């Protein structure tokens, strides 16, 4: 998962103060941060150091990442006139640092690199709410009250995601992930109507590039079958849904990724080891499983525990 190095002291030394967008746009620092967990833990892939709002920031919509808060828009999306603020992304001009970082990581790491982009509901929620939300009242008001405008917004965000992922794969990414982290806030029928068509378009167009695609959201246990319908090769599963249940809900049509509770990486090894083994056991020996956290690494995660997780999975988790 992304943010793989955020608990490391070497990450904080390079990260510095201020918005992470400035760090992401500095390919030298972004390369170093991407490589840090690979060097320390010996994980099987690098995760591009970026954020799902980076492309929206790059086209000048007016979004920033405020430390301790998250993505914030001073002037949130409110009407059709705001669509003009989401101009088409030209990755070579708007995100030159992204490809530069990917190429530098691959030249140094010796492992594949995973890229990612934001899914339609999650990106829309930041743009419409203006900041992280627990209720999504504004974005749901737009979705239900002005469905035509909602779909126009999601079409624009899908275009941004596609351009971002195409650029990442062109620079050398071996796999990509679509993070629709907050889609679990929706009922299945609403997800099917308002989000699924746009996720499907993103994953279909990126699928033509020939790289595996992961689709992930938080608290999406009730959406897993629909997310599978969108066309990804891998479905990410958070810690709330057992892998055995997720495999049944997805009809064993896809590989699964997950699903250790990241909070457990802040405590004791005795508890963490038990839970790592539980995830491995719950997978039931299926070869289609990428062991991972059920969401990102926490700032409080203990690096020494994360290292032991990697070692244990390498010892016992490979089929």
Protein backbone atom coordinates (compact mmCIF):
# COMPACT_ATOMS: atom_id res chain seq x y z
CA UNK A 1 0.00 0.00 0.00
CA UNK A 2 1.06 3.59 -0.50
CA UNK A 3 2.71 5.54 2.34
CA UNK A 4 4.88 2.48 2.93
CA UNK A 5 7.72 4.51 4.42
CA UNK A 6 5.83 7.12 6.41
CA UNK A 7 6.72 5.63 9.83
CA UNK A 8 10.46 5.62 9.11
CA UNK A 9 12.80 8.16 10.70
CA UNK A 10 14.65 8.43 7.38
CA UNK A 11 11.32 9.32 5.74
CA UNK A 12 10.72 12.18 8.16
CA UNK A 13 14.27 13.46 7.60
CA UNK A 14 13.72 13.71 3.83
CA UNK A 15 10.04 14.70 3.99
CA UNK A 16 10.61 17.89 5.98
CA UNK A 17 7.84 20.38 6.71
CA UNK A 18 5.01 21.75 4.58
CA UNK A 19 2.87 20.13 1.92
CA UNK A 20 3.89 16.75 0.58
CA UNK A 21 3.01 17.95 -2.91
CA UNK A 22 6.25 19.90 -3.01
CA UNK A 23 8.13 16.72 -2.07
CA UNK A 24 6.28 14.67 -4.69
CA UNK A 25 7.21 17.25 -7.33
CA UNK A 26 10.89 16.97 -6.32
CA UNK A 27 11.84 13.73 -8.07
CA UNK A 28 15.12 13.40 -6.16
CA UNK A 29 13.36 13.40 -2.79
CA UNK A 30 10.42 11.36 -4.09
CA UNK A 31 12.81 8.72 -5.42
CA UNK A 32 14.60 8.46 -2.10
CA UNK A 33 11.34 8.14 -0.16
CA UNK A 34 10.03 5.49 -2.58
CA UNK A 35 13.21 3.46 -2.11
CA UNK A 36 13.43 3.67 1.69
CA UNK A 37 11.00 0.84 2.57
CA UNK A 38 12.49 -1.34 -0.18
CA UNK A 39 15.93 -0.97 1.33
CA UNK A 40 14.83 -1.40 4.94
CA UNK A 41 12.27 -4.19 4.62
CA UNK A 42 13.13 -6.08 1.46
CA UNK A 43 9.55 -5.88 0.18
CA UNK A 44 8.69 -7.33 -3.21
CA UNK A 45 7.76 -4.06 -4.93
CA UNK A 46 8.22 -0.32 -4.62
CA UNK A 47 5.20 1.97 -4.20
CA UNK A 48 5.45 5.29 -5.99
CA UNK A 49 5.62 8.17 -3.54
CA UNK A 50 2.74 10.38 -4.60
CA UNK A 51 -0.86 11.13 -3.68
CA UNK A 52 -4.17 10.63 -5.45
CA UNK A 53 -4.77 14.39 -5.60
CA UNK A 54 -1.41 15.13 -7.26
CA UNK A 55 -2.81 15.20 -10.83
CA UNK A 56 -5.70 17.48 -9.80
CA UNK A 57 -3.21 19.79 -8.12
CA UNK A 58 -1.02 19.67 -11.22
CA UNK A 59 -3.82 20.90 -13.51
CA UNK A 60 -4.39 23.87 -11.22
CA UNK A 61 -7.78 23.06 -9.72
CA UNK A 62 -6.75 24.62 -6.43
CA UNK A 63 -6.15 21.82 -3.96
CA UNK A 64 -3.45 21.37 -1.36
CA UNK A 65 -2.59 18.76 1.25
CA UNK A 66 -2.59 20.39 4.67
CA UNK A 67 -0.48 18.58 7.30
CA UNK A 68 -2.72 17.00 9.91
CA UNK A 69 -5.85 17.59 7.81
CA UNK A 70 -5.46 16.14 4.31
CA UNK A 71 -6.59 17.43 0.90
CA UNK A 72 -8.21 20.85 1.14
CA UNK A 73 -9.83 23.01 -1.58
CA UNK A 74 -10.21 26.68 -0.81
CA UNK A 75 -12.88 26.89 -3.54
CA UNK A 76 -14.66 23.53 -3.72
CA UNK A 77 -16.43 22.22 -6.81
CA UNK A 78 -19.99 23.59 -6.69
CA UNK A 79 -21.40 24.04 -10.22
CA UNK A 80 -20.93 23.25 -13.89
CA UNK A 81 -18.69 26.29 -14.23
CA UNK A 82 -16.13 24.54 -12.05
CA UNK A 83 -15.60 21.88 -14.70
CA UNK A 84 -13.37 24.35 -16.53
CA UNK A 85 -10.97 24.15 -13.58
CA UNK A 86 -10.45 20.46 -14.38
CA UNK A 87 -8.65 20.90 -17.67
CA UNK A 88 -7.29 17.79 -19.43
CA UNK A 89 -4.11 16.45 -17.87
CA UNK A 90 -1.06 16.39 -20.13
CA UNK A 91 1.22 14.17 -18.10
CA UNK A 92 4.43 15.05 -19.93
CA UNK A 93 3.87 18.73 -19.11
CA UNK A 94 1.92 18.58 -15.84
CA UNK A 95 3.59 15.60 -14.16
CA UNK A 96 7.14 15.39 -15.57
CA UNK A 97 8.46 14.57 -12.10
CA UNK A 98 6.25 11.45 -11.92
CA UNK A 99 7.94 9.67 -14.83
CA UNK A 100 11.34 10.91 -13.69
CA UNK A 101 10.80 9.41 -10.23
CA UNK A 102 9.62 6.08 -11.63
CA UNK A 103 12.61 5.75 -13.94
CA UNK A 104 15.04 6.65 -11.15
CA UNK A 105 13.49 4.14 -8.74
CA UNK A 106 13.62 1.33 -11.28
CA UNK A 107 17.24 2.11 -12.08
CA UNK A 108 18.12 1.73 -8.39
CA UNK A 109 15.72 -0.70 -6.71
CA UNK A 110 15.87 -4.01 -8.54
CA UNK A 111 12.15 -4.60 -7.81
CA UNK A 112 8.99 -3.78 -9.76
CA UNK A 113 7.20 -0.49 -9.12
CA UNK A 114 3.47 -0.08 -8.47
CA UNK A 115 1.78 3.14 -9.54
CA UNK A 116 -1.67 4.41 -8.61
CA UNK A 117 -4.40 6.96 -9.17
CA UNK A 118 -7.53 8.12 -7.38
CA UNK A 119 -10.94 6.65 -8.07
CA UNK A 120 -13.91 8.83 -9.08
CA UNK A 121 -15.87 8.93 -5.83
CA UNK A 122 -12.87 9.60 -3.61
CA UNK A 123 -11.44 12.38 -5.76
CA UNK A 124 -14.88 13.92 -6.19
CA UNK A 125 -15.42 13.85 -2.45
CA UNK A 126 -12.33 15.98 -1.84
CA UNK A 127 -13.20 18.42 -4.60
CA UNK A 128 -16.85 18.83 -3.58
CA UNK A 129 -16.53 18.65 0.20
CA UNK A 130 -13.43 20.81 0.17
CA UNK A 131 -11.71 18.65 2.76
CA UNK A 132 -11.86 15.13 4.22
CA UNK A 133 -15.36 14.18 5.34
CA UNK A 134 -17.02 11.52 7.46
CA UNK A 135 -20.54 12.08 6.15
CA UNK A 136 -20.05 13.04 2.47
CA UNK A 137 -23.19 15.17 2.62
CA UNK A 138 -22.16 17.65 -0.07
CA UNK A 139 -20.92 15.07 -2.53
CA UNK A 140 -24.04 12.95 -2.06
CA UNK A 141 -26.21 16.03 -2.51
CA UNK A 142 -24.52 16.62 -5.87
CA UNK A 143 -24.73 12.96 -6.83
CA UNK A 144 -28.43 12.57 -6.09
CA UNK A 145 -29.56 16.14 -6.81
CA UNK A 146 -27.64 16.81 -10.04
CA UNK A 147 -26.79 13.40 -11.50
CA UNK A 148 -25.90 14.78 -14.93
CA UNK A 149 -23.34 17.16 -13.44
CA UNK A 150 -22.07 14.35 -11.20
CA UNK A 151 -21.35 12.15 -14.20
CA UNK A 152 -19.66 15.01 -16.05
CA UNK A 153 -17.41 15.55 -13.04
CA UNK A 154 -16.60 11.84 -12.80
CA UNK A 155 -15.90 11.70 -16.53
CA UNK A 156 -13.34 14.48 -16.10
CA UNK A 157 -11.78 12.74 -13.10
CA UNK A 158 -11.67 9.46 -15.00
CA UNK A 159 -9.79 11.21 -17.80
CA UNK A 160 -7.28 12.51 -15.25
CA UNK A 161 -6.83 9.05 -13.72
CA UNK A 162 -6.35 7.41 -17.10
CA UNK A 163 -3.76 9.95 -18.22
CA UNK A 164 -1.93 9.54 -14.91
CA UNK A 165 -1.83 5.75 -15.07
CA UNK A 166 -0.87 5.65 -18.75
CA UNK A 167 2.08 7.91 -17.96
CA UNK A 168 3.12 5.72 -15.01
CA UNK A 169 3.05 2.56 -17.09
CA UNK A 170 4.92 4.30 -19.90
CA UNK A 171 7.65 5.23 -17.44
CA UNK A 172 7.97 1.61 -16.29
CA UNK A 173 5.34 0.83 -13.65
CA UNK A 174 4.64 -2.91 -13.66
CA UNK A 175 1.27 -2.69 -11.92
CA UNK A 176 -1.22 0.04 -11.07
CA UNK A 177 -3.81 0.51 -8.38
CA UNK A 178 -7.06 2.47 -8.46
CA UNK A 179 -7.72 3.88 -4.99
CA UNK A 180 -11.39 4.65 -4.50
CA UNK A 181 -10.79 4.70 -0.80
CA UNK A 182 -14.09 6.23 0.37
CA UNK A 183 -16.47 4.42 -1.99
CA UNK A 184 -17.55 2.28 0.96
CA UNK A 185 -19.72 5.23 2.02
CA UNK A 186 -22.20 4.20 -0.71
CA UNK A 187 -24.95 1.61 -0.88
CA UNK A 188 -24.35 -1.05 -3.56
CA UNK A 189 -27.12 0.21 -5.84
CA UNK A 190 -25.81 3.77 -5.61
CA UNK A 191 -22.26 2.63 -6.29
CA UNK A 192 -23.52 0.70 -9.33
CA UNK A 193 -25.33 3.73 -10.74
CA UNK A 194 -22.99 6.58 -9.91
CA UNK A 195 -19.46 5.17 -9.67
CA UNK A 196 -19.13 1.78 -11.35
CA UNK A 197 -19.35 3.09 -14.95
CA UNK A 198 -16.45 5.46 -14.37
CA UNK A 199 -14.28 2.92 -12.55
CA UNK A 200 -14.97 0.46 -15.36
CA UNK A 201 -13.83 2.96 -17.99
CA UNK A 202 -10.61 3.67 -16.14
CA UNK A 203 -9.74 0.02 -15.61
CA UNK A 204 -10.73 -0.96 -19.15
CA UNK A 205 -8.59 1.70 -20.82
CA UNK A 206 -5.62 0.99 -18.57
CA UNK A 207 -6.11 -2.74 -19.15
CA UNK A 208 -5.15 -2.21 -22.78
CA UNK A 209 -1.61 -1.47 -21.53
CA UNK A 210 -1.18 -5.07 -20.40
CA UNK A 211 -0.29 -4.50 -16.73
CA UNK A 212 -2.17 -5.95 -13.73
CA UNK A 213 -4.69 -3.61 -12.11
CA UNK A 214 -5.79 -3.49 -8.47
CA UNK A 215 -9.04 -1.87 -7.29
CA UNK A 216 -9.23 -0.84 -3.64
CA UNK A 217 -11.58 0.85 -1.20
CA UNK A 218 -12.12 1.08 2.54
CA UNK A 219 -15.15 -0.59 4.15
CA UNK A 220 -16.22 -1.96 0.77
CA UNK A 221 -17.21 -5.45 1.87
CA UNK A 222 -20.70 -4.97 0.42
CA UNK A 223 -19.25 -3.63 -2.84
CA UNK A 224 -16.67 -6.30 -3.59
CA UNK A 225 -18.71 -8.07 -6.26
CA UNK A 226 -19.45 -4.78 -8.04
CA UNK A 227 -15.84 -3.66 -7.81
CA UNK A 228 -14.86 -6.95 -9.39
CA UNK A 229 -17.30 -6.23 -12.23
CA UNK A 230 -15.31 -3.06 -12.99
CA UNK A 231 -12.59 -5.24 -14.47
CA UNK A 232 -9.55 -5.21 -12.21
CA UNK A 233 -7.25 -8.23 -11.87
CA UNK A 234 -6.86 -7.78 -8.10
CA UNK A 235 -9.32 -6.56 -5.48
CA UNK A 236 -7.95 -4.94 -2.34
CA UNK A 237 -9.66 -6.02 0.88
CA UNK A 238 -9.49 -4.00 4.08
CA UNK A 239 -9.29 -5.63 7.50
CA UNK A 240 -13.05 -5.74 8.09
CA UNK A 241 -13.79 -8.52 5.60
CA UNK A 242 -12.13 -11.96 5.94
CA UNK A 243 -10.32 -13.05 2.80
CA UNK A 244 -12.40 -16.21 2.68
CA UNK A 245 -15.58 -14.10 2.56
CA UNK A 246 -14.04 -11.76 -0.02
CA UNK A 247 -13.16 -14.69 -2.24
CA UNK A 248 -16.76 -15.89 -2.17
CA UNK A 249 -18.14 -12.42 -2.83
CA UNK A 250 -15.85 -11.89 -5.81
CA UNK A 251 -16.65 -15.34 -7.18
CA UNK A 252 -12.96 -16.25 -7.17
CA UNK A 253 -12.69 -14.19 -10.37
CA UNK A 254 -9.76 -12.10 -9.17
CA UNK A 255 -6.71 -12.22 -6.98
CA UNK A 256 -7.05 -10.60 -3.56
CA UNK A 257 -4.83 -8.11 -1.76
CA UNK A 258 -4.79 -7.54 1.98
CA UNK A 259 -5.78 -7.58 4.68
CA UNK A 260 -3.88 -7.04 7.94
CA UNK A 261 -5.27 -4.31 10.22
CA UNK A 262 -2.60 -1.55 10.13
CA UNK A 263 -3.35 -0.62 13.74
CA UNK A 264 -1.74 -3.89 14.80
CA UNK A 265 1.63 -2.66 13.51
CA UNK A 266 1.75 -0.20 16.42
CA UNK A 267 1.53 -2.79 19.22
CA UNK A 268 3.26 -6.02 20.20
CA UNK A 269 4.80 -8.70 18.01
CA UNK A 270 2.93 -11.41 19.90
CA UNK A 271 -0.42 -10.06 18.73
CA UNK A 272 0.84 -9.03 15.30
CA UNK A 273 2.38 -12.42 14.52
CA UNK A 274 -0.87 -14.16 15.39
CA UNK A 275 -2.81 -11.88 13.04
CA UNK A 276 -0.32 -12.25 10.19
CA UNK A 277 -0.64 -16.01 10.44
CA UNK A 278 -4.44 -15.69 10.59
CA UNK A 279 -4.47 -13.76 7.30
CA UNK A 280 -2.23 -16.36 5.67
CA UNK A 281 -4.42 -19.19 6.97
CA UNK A 282 -7.62 -17.45 5.93
CA UNK A 283 -6.29 -17.22 2.38
CA UNK A 284 -6.45 -21.00 2.37
CA UNK A 285 -3.43 -21.54 0.18
CA UNK A 286 -4.87 -19.75 -2.84
CA UNK A 287 -2.06 -18.56 -5.13
CA UNK A 288 -3.98 -15.37 -5.99
CA UNK A 289 -3.12 -13.39 -2.86
CA UNK A 290 -0.89 -10.37 -2.33
CA UNK A 291 -0.24 -10.10 1.40
CA UNK A 292 -0.62 -6.49 2.41
CA UNK A 293 -2.12 -4.19 4.97
CA UNK A 294 -5.83 -3.44 4.83
CA UNK A 295 -4.91 0.24 4.33
CA UNK A 296 -1.77 2.35 4.48
CA UNK A 297 1.06 2.24 6.99
CA UNK A 298 0.36 4.51 9.97
CA UNK A 299 2.77 7.17 11.22
CA UNK A 300 2.78 5.25 14.52
CA UNK A 301 3.65 1.91 12.92
CA UNK A 302 6.83 0.40 14.37
CA UNK A 303 9.48 -0.19 11.69
CA UNK A 304 10.89 -3.18 13.54
CA UNK A 305 7.46 -4.86 13.52
CA UNK A 306 6.92 -4.16 9.82
CA UNK A 307 10.29 -5.79 9.11
CA UNK A 308 9.21 -8.91 11.01
CA UNK A 309 5.94 -9.03 9.10
CA UNK A 310 7.81 -9.04 5.78
CA UNK A 311 10.18 -11.75 7.01
CA UNK A 312 7.32 -13.95 8.24
CA UNK A 313 5.35 -13.61 5.02
CA UNK A 314 8.44 -14.44 2.97
CA UNK A 315 9.06 -17.50 5.12
CA UNK A 316 5.53 -18.91 5.26
CA UNK A 317 3.21 -16.98 3.00
CA UNK A 318 4.44 -17.88 -0.47
CA UNK A 319 2.58 -20.65 -2.27
